[in-house]
Amino acid sequence: MEVEVRAMGERVDAEGLGIWVERRGRGPDVLLVAGLSDPAEVWQAQLDGLSDRYRIIAFDNRGSGRTPLPEGPLSVPMMADDAAALLRALQVEHAHVAGFSGGSLIAQELALRHPELVRSLVLVSTWAQLDAYSRSMTRFWHWLAAEAPSERAMLEAFLLWIYTPRAHANGMVEQFIDETLAFPHPQSAEAFQRQLEPFMTHETFDRLPGITAPTLVLAGELDISAPPRLGRIVAEAIPGADFEVLPGEAHQPFQESPDLFNARVDAFWREVGGIRS
């Protein structure tokens, strides 16, 4: 029997870590894994737009939003284990997993370390390891977080890599900056840097052939922080994975073009689940 979960936020004890979770809807379970710095609210358009068909689970990774960042080392496998512990705490047997950017790395590790929990995999703006350009870019982000003259200045600079020129022109980016600055659970510069570091050194290329879940890799045509060439490498390494480039999109298509994104992942999940439109 399916149980509907209405919009709500709660703290869930996941093997000793209090993870903040937003859940909504009914239907097959979907776990949305956010990227660097992003809280669960980054998935608002999916919580709103897909919860009539799926039971959507979005959460704050450790060090983002309302989930604490304990002292000690931080790694992508550790964050993948957090996601696995969360699913088990919520008594979810398996879920369609969609991860974005740094969250796509967590999703890769989740599929490798806990394959029984992953019904299918959507990797958005992903990579298997950074190339020279991307390493220089992330090193710049690392010192930008601490050296920018203000939080607004940091966001204005950082988001140049994230959104399309149209989102800067039409006021969307300014709106996102205002919302970020008003968010009552801001991420410190130190937490930003500690989250960024494992994403900078992440490497799964040699292990990606071990992913058995049906996989869709999505890349934005205009993405300069995780360009399509990096996503194609991931798709070619995962057996049977599909690869698509979204024309005119950048790093966060699920925010800039949510109707397009939601329709594409819904079609994929229906195909995986054997559901006809």
C-alpha atoms as a PDB file:
ATOM      1  CA  MET A   1       0.000   0.000   0.000  1.00  0.00           C
ATOM      2  CA  GLU A   2       1.358   3.389  -0.962  1.00  0.00           C
ATOM      3  CA  VAL A   3       1.357   6.050   1.728  1.00  0.00           C
ATOM      4  CA  GLU A   4       1.148   9.687   0.685  1.00  0.00           C
ATOM      5  CA  VAL A   5       3.695  12.000   2.278  1.00  0.00           C
ATOM      6  CA  ARG A   6       2.618  15.632   2.400  1.00  0.00           C
ATOM      7  CA  ALA A   7       5.019  18.552   2.244  1.00  0.00           C
ATOM      8  CA  MET A   8       7.036  18.539   5.408  1.00  0.00           C
ATOM      9  CA  GLY A   9      10.522  18.903   6.739  1.00  0.00           C
ATOM     10  CA  GLU A  10      11.990  16.746   9.467  1.00  0.00           C
ATOM     11  CA  ARG A  11      15.280  15.697  10.948  1.00  0.00           C
ATOM     12  CA  VAL A  12      15.957  11.990  10.489  1.00  0.00           C
ATOM     13  CA  ASP A  13      18.526  10.055  12.519  1.00  0.00           C
ATOM     14  CA  ALA A  14      20.639   8.286   9.908  1.00  0.00           C
ATOM     15  CA  GLU A  15      23.161   6.195  11.830  1.00  0.00           C
ATOM     16  CA  GLY A  16      23.889   9.025  14.239  1.00  0.00           C
ATOM     17  CA  LEU A  17      23.772  11.935  11.791  1.00  0.00           C
ATOM     18  CA  GLY A  18      20.690  14.145  11.939  1.00  0.00           C
ATOM     19  CA  ILE A  19      19.850  14.650   8.250  1.00  0.00           C
ATOM     20  CA  TRP A  20      17.264  17.259   7.293  1.00  0.00           C
ATOM     21  CA  VAL A  21      14.734  15.814   4.837  1.00  0.00           C
ATOM     22  CA  GLU A  22      11.879  17.204   2.750  1.00  0.00           C
ATOM     23  CA  ARG A  23       9.338  14.618   1.544  1.00  0.00           C
ATOM     24  CA  ARG A  24       6.301  14.969  -0.638  1.00  0.00           C
ATOM     25  CA  GLY A  25       3.885  12.911  -2.710  1.00  0.00           C
ATOM     26  CA  ARG A  26       3.046   9.291  -3.357  1.00  0.00           C
ATOM     27  CA  GLY A  27       4.187   6.668  -5.818  1.00  0.00           C
ATOM     28  CA  PRO A  28       7.597   5.146  -6.547  1.00  0.00           C
ATOM     29  CA  ASP A  29      10.335   6.547  -4.314  1.00  0.00           C
ATOM     30  CA  VAL A  30      12.743   9.134  -5.757  1.00  0.00           C
ATOM     31  CA  LEU A  31      15.849  10.355  -3.930  1.00  0.00           C
ATOM     32  CA  LEU A  32      17.217  13.736  -5.082  1.00  0.00           C
ATOM     33  CA  VAL A  33      20.860  14.404  -4.165  1.00  0.00           C
ATOM     34  CA  ALA A  34      21.898  18.064  -4.207  1.00  0.00           C
ATOM     35  CA  GLY A  35      25.295  19.449  -5.139  1.00  0.00           C
ATOM     36  CA  LEU A  36      27.878  21.682  -3.522  1.00  0.00           C
ATOM     37  CA  SER A  37      26.391  23.964  -0.853  1.00  0.00           C
ATOM     38  CA  ASP A  38      22.776  23.386  -1.919  1.00  0.00           C
ATOM     39  CA  PRO A  39      20.044  22.565   0.623  1.00  0.00           C
ATOM     40  CA  ALA A  40      16.970  20.490  -0.201  1.00  0.00           C
ATOM     41  CA  GLU A  41      15.140  23.605  -1.408  1.00  0.00           C
ATOM     42  CA  VAL A  42      17.214  23.585  -4.605  1.00  0.00           C
ATOM     43  CA  TRP A  43      14.822  20.839  -5.772  1.00  0.00           C
ATOM     44  CA  GLN A  44      11.652  22.873  -5.168  1.00  0.00           C
ATOM     45  CA  ALA A  45      10.495  22.616  -8.788  1.00  0.00           C
ATOM     46  CA  GLN A  46      10.763  18.823  -8.570  1.00  0.00           C
ATOM     47  CA  LEU A  47       9.069  18.636  -5.171  1.00  0.00           C
ATOM     48  CA  ASP A  48       6.240  20.679  -6.696  1.00  0.00           C
ATOM     49  CA  GLY A  49       6.212  19.221 -10.188  1.00  0.00           C
ATOM     50  CA  LEU A  50       6.743  15.483  -9.696  1.00  0.00           C
ATOM     51  CA  SER A  51       5.057  14.687  -6.387  1.00  0.00           C
ATOM     52  CA  ASP A  52       1.756  13.852  -8.083  1.00  0.00           C
ATOM     53  CA  ARG A  53       3.486  10.756  -9.526  1.00  0.00           C
ATOM     54  CA  TYR A  54       6.344   9.988  -7.146  1.00  0.00           C
ATOM     55  CA  ARG A  55       7.218  10.088  -3.473  1.00  0.00           C
ATOM     56  CA  ILE A  56      10.003  12.665  -3.599  1.00  0.00           C
ATOM     57  CA  ILE A  57      12.793  12.721  -1.000  1.00  0.00           C
ATOM     58  CA  ALA A  58      15.189  15.692  -0.951  1.00  0.00           C
ATOM     59  CA  PHE A  59      17.706  16.307   1.809  1.00  0.00           C
ATOM     60  CA  ASP A  60      20.563  18.471   3.030  1.00  0.00           C
ATOM     61  CA  ASN A  61      23.946  16.755   2.616  1.00  0.00           C
ATOM     62  CA  ARG A  62      26.216  16.952   5.654  1.00  0.00           C
ATOM     63  CA  GLY A  63      27.505  20.514   5.827  1.00  0.00           C
ATOM     64  CA  SER A  64      24.593  22.040   3.889  1.00  0.00           C
ATOM     65  CA  GLY A  65      21.476  23.685   5.255  1.00  0.00           C
ATOM     66  CA  ARG A  66      20.259  22.069   8.471  1.00  0.00           C
ATOM     67  CA  THR A  67      22.442  18.934   8.403  1.00  0.00           C
ATOM     68  CA  PRO A  68      25.555  19.385  10.577  1.00  0.00           C
ATOM     69  CA  LEU A  69      29.145  18.955   9.442  1.00  0.00           C
ATOM     70  CA  PRO A  70      30.960  16.981  12.149  1.00  0.00           C
ATOM     71  CA  GLU A  71      34.670  17.413  12.685  1.00  0.00           C
ATOM     72  CA  GLY A  72      37.003  15.106  10.824  1.00  0.00           C
ATOM     73  CA  PRO A  73      37.573  13.986   7.235  1.00  0.00           C
ATOM     74  CA  LEU A  74      34.827  14.347   4.638  1.00  0.00           C
ATOM     75  CA  SER A  75      34.619  12.170   1.545  1.00  0.00           C
ATOM     76  CA  VAL A  76      32.221  11.362  -1.270  1.00  0.00           C
ATOM     77  CA  PRO A  77      31.869   7.723  -0.104  1.00  0.00           C
ATOM     78  CA  MET A  78      30.969   9.027   3.359  1.00  0.00           C
ATOM     79  CA  MET A  79      28.207  11.191   1.893  1.00  0.00           C
ATOM     80  CA  ALA A  80      26.991   8.235  -0.179  1.00  0.00           C
ATOM     81  CA  ASP A  81      26.788   6.179   3.002  1.00  0.00           C
ATOM     82  CA  ASP A  82      24.768   9.049   4.539  1.00  0.00           C
ATOM     83  CA  ALA A  83      22.278   8.773   1.665  1.00  0.00           C
ATOM     84  CA  ALA A  84      22.074   5.004   2.108  1.00  0.00           C
ATOM     85  CA  ALA A  85      21.524   5.367   5.857  1.00  0.00           C
ATOM     86  CA  LEU A  86      18.781   7.911   5.171  1.00  0.00           C
ATOM     87  CA  LEU A  87      16.923   5.574   2.806  1.00  0.00           C
ATOM     88  CA  ARG A  88      17.139   2.765   5.330  1.00  0.00           C
ATOM     89  CA  ALA A  89      15.971   5.047   8.157  1.00  0.00           C
ATOM     90  CA  LEU A  90      12.968   5.997   6.009  1.00  0.00           C
ATOM     91  CA  GLN A  91      12.365   2.280   5.284  1.00  0.00           C
ATOM     92  CA  VAL A  92      12.783   2.800   1.551  1.00  0.00           C
ATOM     93  CA  GLU A  93      13.765  -0.503  -0.073  1.00  0.00           C
ATOM     94  CA  HIS A  94      15.007   1.105  -3.274  1.00  0.00           C
ATOM     95  CA  ALA A  95      14.612   4.412  -5.081  1.00  0.00           C
ATOM     96  CA  HIS A  96      15.142   6.137  -8.362  1.00  0.00           C
ATOM     97  CA  VAL A  97      18.195   8.272  -7.552  1.00  0.00           C
ATOM     98  CA  ALA A  98      18.937  11.583  -9.263  1.00  0.00           C
ATOM     99  CA  GLY A  99      22.103  13.464  -8.369  1.00  0.00           C
ATOM    100  CA  PHE A 100      23.281  16.840  -9.577  1.00  0.00           C
ATOM    101  CA  SER A 101      26.920  18.010  -9.849  1.00  0.00           C
ATOM    102  CA  GLY A 102      28.594  17.080  -6.554  1.00  0.00           C
ATOM    103  CA  GLY A 103      25.404  15.183  -5.770  1.00  0.00           C
ATOM    104  CA  SER A 104      25.896  13.151  -8.946  1.00  0.00           C
ATOM    105  CA  LEU A 105      29.224  11.991  -7.530  1.00  0.00           C
ATOM    106  CA  ILE A 106      27.446  10.945  -4.339  1.00  0.00           C
ATOM    107  CA  ALA A 107      24.869   9.141  -6.503  1.00  0.00           C
ATOM    108  CA  GLN A 108      27.643   7.308  -8.390  1.00  0.00           C
ATOM    109  CA  GLU A 109      29.130   6.114  -5.113  1.00  0.00           C
ATOM    110  CA  LEU A 110      25.691   5.181  -3.774  1.00  0.00           C
ATOM    111  CA  ALA A 111      25.110   2.966  -6.823  1.00  0.00           C
ATOM    112  CA  LEU A 112      28.542   1.361  -6.398  1.00  0.00           C
ATOM    113  CA  ARG A 113      28.486   0.904  -2.612  1.00  0.00           C
ATOM    114  CA  HIS A 114      24.778   0.179  -2.080  1.00  0.00           C
ATOM    115  CA  PRO A 115      23.430  -1.133  -5.414  1.00  0.00           C
ATOM    116  CA  GLU A 116      20.438  -2.794  -3.802  1.00  0.00           C
ATOM    117  CA  LEU A 117      19.049   0.646  -2.887  1.00  0.00           C
ATOM    118  CA  VAL A 118      19.275   2.135  -6.383  1.00  0.00           C
ATOM    119  CA  ARG A 119      16.445   1.328  -8.778  1.00  0.00           C
ATOM    120  CA  SER A 120      17.766   3.692 -11.448  1.00  0.00           C
ATOM    121  CA  LEU A 121      20.284   6.505 -11.738  1.00  0.00           C
ATOM    122  CA  VAL A 122      20.072   9.993 -13.245  1.00  0.00           C
ATOM    123  CA  LEU A 123      23.384  11.860 -13.265  1.00  0.00           C
ATOM    124  CA  VAL A 124      23.094  15.568 -14.042  1.00  0.00           C
ATOM    125  CA  SER A 125      26.151  17.750 -14.763  1.00  0.00           C
ATOM    126  CA  THR A 126      28.481  14.938 -13.769  1.00  0.00           C
ATOM    127  CA  TRP A 127      32.068  13.778 -14.154  1.00  0.00           C
ATOM    128  CA  ALA A 128      34.284  10.792 -13.370  1.00  0.00           C
ATOM    129  CA  GLN A 129      37.352  12.922 -12.635  1.00  0.00           C
ATOM    130  CA  LEU A 130      38.212  16.554 -13.229  1.00  0.00           C
ATOM    131  CA  ASP A 131      40.392  17.630 -16.119  1.00  0.00           C
ATOM    132  CA  ALA A 132      43.020  20.395 -15.907  1.00  0.00           C
ATOM    133  CA  TYR A 133      40.541  23.195 -16.660  1.00  0.00           C
ATOM    134  CA  SER A 134      38.076  21.977 -14.050  1.00  0.00           C
ATOM    135  CA  ARG A 135      40.766  21.555 -11.403  1.00  0.00           C
ATOM    136  CA  SER A 136      41.854  25.176 -11.891  1.00  0.00           C
ATOM    137  CA  MET A 137      38.224  26.290 -11.728  1.00  0.00           C
ATOM    138  CA  THR A 138      37.554  24.502  -8.436  1.00  0.00           C
ATOM    139  CA  ARG A 139      40.779  25.792  -6.890  1.00  0.00           C
ATOM    140  CA  PHE A 140      39.534  29.300  -7.693  1.00  0.00           C
ATOM    141  CA  TRP A 141      36.198  28.557  -6.036  1.00  0.00           C
ATOM    142  CA  HIS A 142      38.040  27.297  -2.963  1.00  0.00           C
ATOM    143  CA  TRP A 143      39.816  30.583  -2.265  1.00  0.00           C
ATOM    144  CA  LEU A 144      36.913  32.691  -3.563  1.00  0.00           C
ATOM    145  CA  ALA A 145      34.732  31.454  -0.686  1.00  0.00           C
ATOM    146  CA  ALA A 146      37.144  32.897   1.867  1.00  0.00           C
ATOM    147  CA  GLU A 147      38.496  35.940   0.016  1.00  0.00           C
ATOM    148  CA  ALA A 148      35.410  37.496  -1.607  1.00  0.00           C
ATOM    149  CA  PRO A 149      34.608  40.896  -0.036  1.00  0.00           C
ATOM    150  CA  SER A 150      31.036  39.840   0.805  1.00  0.00           C
ATOM    151  CA  GLU A 151      28.733  36.856   0.532  1.00  0.00           C
ATOM    152  CA  ARG A 152      26.825  38.603  -2.260  1.00  0.00           C
ATOM    153  CA  ALA A 153      30.062  39.228  -4.174  1.00  0.00           C
ATOM    154  CA  MET A 154      31.028  35.586  -3.738  1.00  0.00           C
ATOM    155  CA  LEU A 155      27.676  34.407  -5.112  1.00  0.00           C
ATOM    156  CA  GLU A 156      27.760  36.847  -8.021  1.00  0.00           C
ATOM    157  CA  ALA A 157      31.150  35.483  -9.053  1.00  0.00           C
ATOM    158  CA  PHE A 158      30.480  31.793  -8.342  1.00  0.00           C
ATOM    159  CA  LEU A 159      27.170  31.709 -10.198  1.00  0.00           C
ATOM    160  CA  LEU A 160      28.831  32.864 -13.416  1.00  0.00           C
ATOM    161  CA  TRP A 161      29.838  29.196 -13.820  1.00  0.00           C
ATOM    162  CA  ILE A 162      26.414  27.827 -12.928  1.00  0.00           C
ATOM    163  CA  TYR A 163      23.639  29.519 -14.901  1.00  0.00           C
ATOM    164  CA  THR A 164      23.067  30.492 -18.531  1.00  0.00           C
ATOM    165  CA  PRO A 165      23.493  34.077 -19.748  1.00  0.00           C
ATOM    166  CA  ARG A 166      19.709  34.262 -20.094  1.00  0.00           C
ATOM    167  CA  ALA A 167      19.278  33.519 -16.371  1.00  0.00           C
ATOM    168  CA  HIS A 168      21.603  36.399 -15.559  1.00  0.00           C
ATOM    169  CA  ALA A 169      19.725  38.674 -17.991  1.00  0.00           C
ATOM    170  CA  ASN A 170      16.164  37.838 -16.930  1.00  0.00           C
ATOM    171  CA  GLY A 171      16.700  38.309 -13.182  1.00  0.00           C
ATOM    172  CA  MET A 172      16.618  34.634 -12.211  1.00  0.00           C
ATOM    173  CA  VAL A 173      20.165  34.669 -10.837  1.00  0.00           C
ATOM    174  CA  GLU A 174      19.527  37.843  -8.852  1.00  0.00           C
ATOM    175  CA  GLN A 175      16.438  36.183  -7.371  1.00  0.00           C
ATOM    176  CA  PHE A 176      18.442  33.082  -6.416  1.00  0.00           C
ATOM    177  CA  ILE A 177      21.095  35.271  -4.763  1.00  0.00           C
ATOM    178  CA  ASP A 178      18.463  37.143  -2.755  1.00  0.00           C
ATOM    179  CA  GLU A 179      16.895  33.850  -1.653  1.00  0.00           C
ATOM    180  CA  THR A 180      20.280  32.431  -0.678  1.00  0.00           C
ATOM    181  CA  LEU A 181      21.155  35.488   1.393  1.00  0.00           C
ATOM    182  CA  ALA A 182      17.754  35.323   3.130  1.00  0.00           C
ATOM    183  CA  PHE A 183      18.030  31.582   3.855  1.00  0.00           C
ATOM    184  CA  PRO A 184      18.123  31.141   7.647  1.00  0.00           C
ATOM    185  CA  HIS A 185      20.662  28.292   7.532  1.00  0.00           C
ATOM    186  CA  PRO A 186      23.626  29.692   5.565  1.00  0.00           C
ATOM    187  CA  GLN A 187      26.713  27.652   4.813  1.00  0.00           C
ATOM    188  CA  SER A 188      29.987  29.014   6.168  1.00  0.00           C
ATOM    189  CA  ALA A 189      33.003  29.549   3.914  1.00  0.00           C
ATOM    190  CA  GLU A 190      34.787  26.758   5.804  1.00  0.00           C
ATOM    191  CA  ALA A 191      31.920  24.307   5.220  1.00  0.00           C
ATOM    192  CA  PHE A 192      31.830  25.286   1.515  1.00  0.00           C
ATOM    193  CA  GLN A 193      35.534  24.534   1.228  1.00  0.00           C
ATOM    194  CA  ARG A 194      35.280  21.255   3.163  1.00  0.00           C
ATOM    195  CA  GLN A 195      32.467  20.072   0.881  1.00  0.00           C
ATOM    196  CA  LEU A 196      34.276  21.188  -2.253  1.00  0.00           C
ATOM    197  CA  GLU A 197      37.537  19.381  -1.468  1.00  0.00           C
ATOM    198  CA  PRO A 198      36.253  15.784  -1.872  1.00  0.00           C
ATOM    199  CA  PHE A 199      34.397  16.742  -5.051  1.00  0.00           C
ATOM    200  CA  MET A 200      37.674  18.142  -6.441  1.00  0.00           C
ATOM    201  CA  THR A 201      39.528  14.872  -5.891  1.00  0.00           C
ATOM    202  CA  HIS A 202      36.695  12.475  -6.779  1.00  0.00           C
ATOM    203  CA  GLU A 203      37.618   9.691  -9.219  1.00  0.00           C
ATOM    204  CA  THR A 204      35.375   6.801 -10.231  1.00  0.00           C
ATOM    205  CA  PHE A 205      36.321   6.191 -13.877  1.00  0.00           C
ATOM    206  CA  ASP A 206      37.830   2.750 -13.294  1.00  0.00           C
ATOM    207  CA  ARG A 207      34.855   1.686 -11.140  1.00  0.00           C
ATOM    208  CA  LEU A 208      31.962   3.027 -13.234  1.00  0.00           C
ATOM    209  CA  PRO A 209      31.608  -0.239 -15.224  1.00  0.00           C
ATOM    210  CA  GLY A 210      30.455  -1.765 -11.934  1.00  0.00           C
ATOM    211  CA  ILE A 211      27.234   0.288 -11.920  1.00  0.00           C
ATOM    212  CA  THR A 212      24.351  -2.025 -12.786  1.00  0.00           C
ATOM    213  CA  ALA A 213      21.381   0.331 -12.390  1.00  0.00           C
ATOM    214  CA  PRO A 214      19.746   1.731 -15.555  1.00  0.00           C
ATOM    215  CA  THR A 215      21.413   5.117 -15.993  1.00  0.00           C
ATOM    216  CA  LEU A 216      20.627   8.387 -17.752  1.00  0.00           C
ATOM    217  CA  VAL A 217      23.368  11.025 -17.968  1.00  0.00           C
ATOM    218  CA  LEU A 218      22.232  14.598 -18.704  1.00  0.00           C
ATOM    219  CA  ALA A 219      24.559  17.460 -19.628  1.00  0.00           C
ATOM    220  CA  GLY A 220      23.832  21.093 -20.410  1.00  0.00           C
ATOM    221  CA  GLU A 221      25.097  22.269 -23.787  1.00  0.00           C
ATOM    222  CA  LEU A 222      26.324  25.540 -22.235  1.00  0.00           C
ATOM    223  CA  ASP A 223      27.662  24.085 -18.977  1.00  0.00           C
ATOM    224  CA  ILE A 224      31.202  25.346 -18.394  1.00  0.00           C
ATOM    225  CA  SER A 225      31.676  23.846 -14.930  1.00  0.00           C
ATOM    226  CA  ALA A 226      30.735  20.258 -15.885  1.00  0.00           C
ATOM    227  CA  PRO A 227      30.777  20.381 -19.694  1.00  0.00           C
ATOM    228  CA  PRO A 228      29.231  17.658 -21.848  1.00  0.00           C
ATOM    229  CA  ARG A 229      32.631  16.130 -22.619  1.00  0.00           C
ATOM    230  CA  LEU A 230      32.925  15.062 -18.968  1.00  0.00           C
ATOM    231  CA  GLY A 231      29.403  13.650 -18.831  1.00  0.00           C
ATOM    232  CA  ARG A 232      29.959  11.681 -22.024  1.00  0.00           C
ATOM    233  CA  ILE A 233      32.950   9.951 -20.419  1.00  0.00           C
ATOM    234  CA  VAL A 234      30.741   8.859 -17.525  1.00  0.00           C
ATOM    235  CA  ALA A 235      27.986   7.566 -19.811  1.00  0.00           C
ATOM    236  CA  GLU A 236      30.426   5.618 -21.973  1.00  0.00           C
ATOM    237  CA  ALA A 237      31.897   3.928 -18.892  1.00  0.00           C
ATOM    238  CA  ILE A 238      28.557   2.777 -17.404  1.00  0.00           C
ATOM    239  CA  PRO A 239      27.146  -0.278 -19.206  1.00  0.00           C
ATOM    240  CA  GLY A 240      24.014   0.602 -21.196  1.00  0.00           C
ATOM    241  CA  ALA A 241      23.837   4.222 -19.991  1.00  0.00           C
ATOM    242  CA  ASP A 242      22.048   6.811 -22.112  1.00  0.00           C
ATOM    243  CA  PHE A 243      23.654  10.220 -22.675  1.00  0.00           C
ATOM    244  CA  GLU A 244      21.813  13.378 -23.654  1.00  0.00           C
ATOM    245  CA  VAL A 245      22.876  16.979 -24.103  1.00  0.00           C
ATOM    246  CA  LEU A 246      20.167  19.515 -23.280  1.00  0.00           C
ATOM    247  CA  PRO A 247      20.365  22.318 -25.880  1.00  0.00           C
ATOM    248  CA  GLY A 248      20.728  25.821 -24.476  1.00  0.00           C
ATOM    249  CA  GLU A 249      21.060  24.633 -20.864  1.00  0.00           C
ATOM    250  CA  ALA A 250      23.902  25.086 -18.386  1.00  0.00           C
ATOM    251  CA  HIS A 251      24.788  23.519 -15.035  1.00  0.00           C
ATOM    252  CA  GLN A 252      21.363  23.517 -13.336  1.00  0.00           C
ATOM    253  CA  PRO A 253      18.699  22.695 -15.947  1.00  0.00           C
ATOM    254  CA  PHE A 254      16.340  21.376 -13.267  1.00  0.00           C
ATOM    255  CA  GLN A 255      16.058  24.957 -11.952  1.00  0.00           C
ATOM    256  CA  GLU A 256      16.261  26.944 -15.182  1.00  0.00           C
ATOM    257  CA  SER A 257      13.989  24.673 -17.266  1.00  0.00           C
ATOM    258  CA  PRO A 258      12.112  22.531 -14.739  1.00  0.00           C
ATOM    259  CA  ASP A 259       9.297  21.501 -17.085  1.00  0.00           C
ATOM    260  CA  LEU A 260      11.806  20.150 -19.606  1.00  0.00           C
ATOM    261  CA  PHE A 261      13.840  18.414 -16.908  1.00  0.00           C
ATOM    262  CA  ASN A 262      10.841  16.950 -15.092  1.00  0.00           C
ATOM    263  CA  ALA A 263       9.381  15.557 -18.316  1.00  0.00           C
ATOM    264  CA  ARG A 264      12.664  13.909 -19.260  1.00  0.00           C
ATOM    265  CA  VAL A 265      13.299  12.199 -15.921  1.00  0.00           C
ATOM    266  CA  ASP A 266       9.646  11.170 -15.656  1.00  0.00           C
ATOM    267  CA  ALA A 267       9.886   9.493 -19.068  1.00  0.00           C
ATOM    268  CA  PHE A 268      13.059   7.697 -17.967  1.00  0.00           C
ATOM    269  CA  TRP A 269      11.565   6.508 -14.686  1.00  0.00           C
ATOM    270  CA  ARG A 270       8.437   5.314 -16.498  1.00  0.00           C
ATOM    271  CA  GLU A 271      10.570   3.399 -18.970  1.00  0.00           C
ATOM    272  CA  VAL A 272      12.593   1.810 -16.177  1.00  0.00           C
ATOM    273  CA  GLY A 273       9.415   0.931 -14.296  1.00  0.00           C
ATOM    274  CA  GLY A 274       7.677  -0.436 -17.385  1.00  0.00           C
ATOM    275  CA  ILE A 275       4.936   2.205 -17.169  1.00  0.00           C
ATOM    276  CA  ARG A 276       3.332   3.376 -20.398  1.00  0.00           C
ATOM    277  CA  SER A 277       2.396   7.039 -20.792  1.00  0.00           C
END
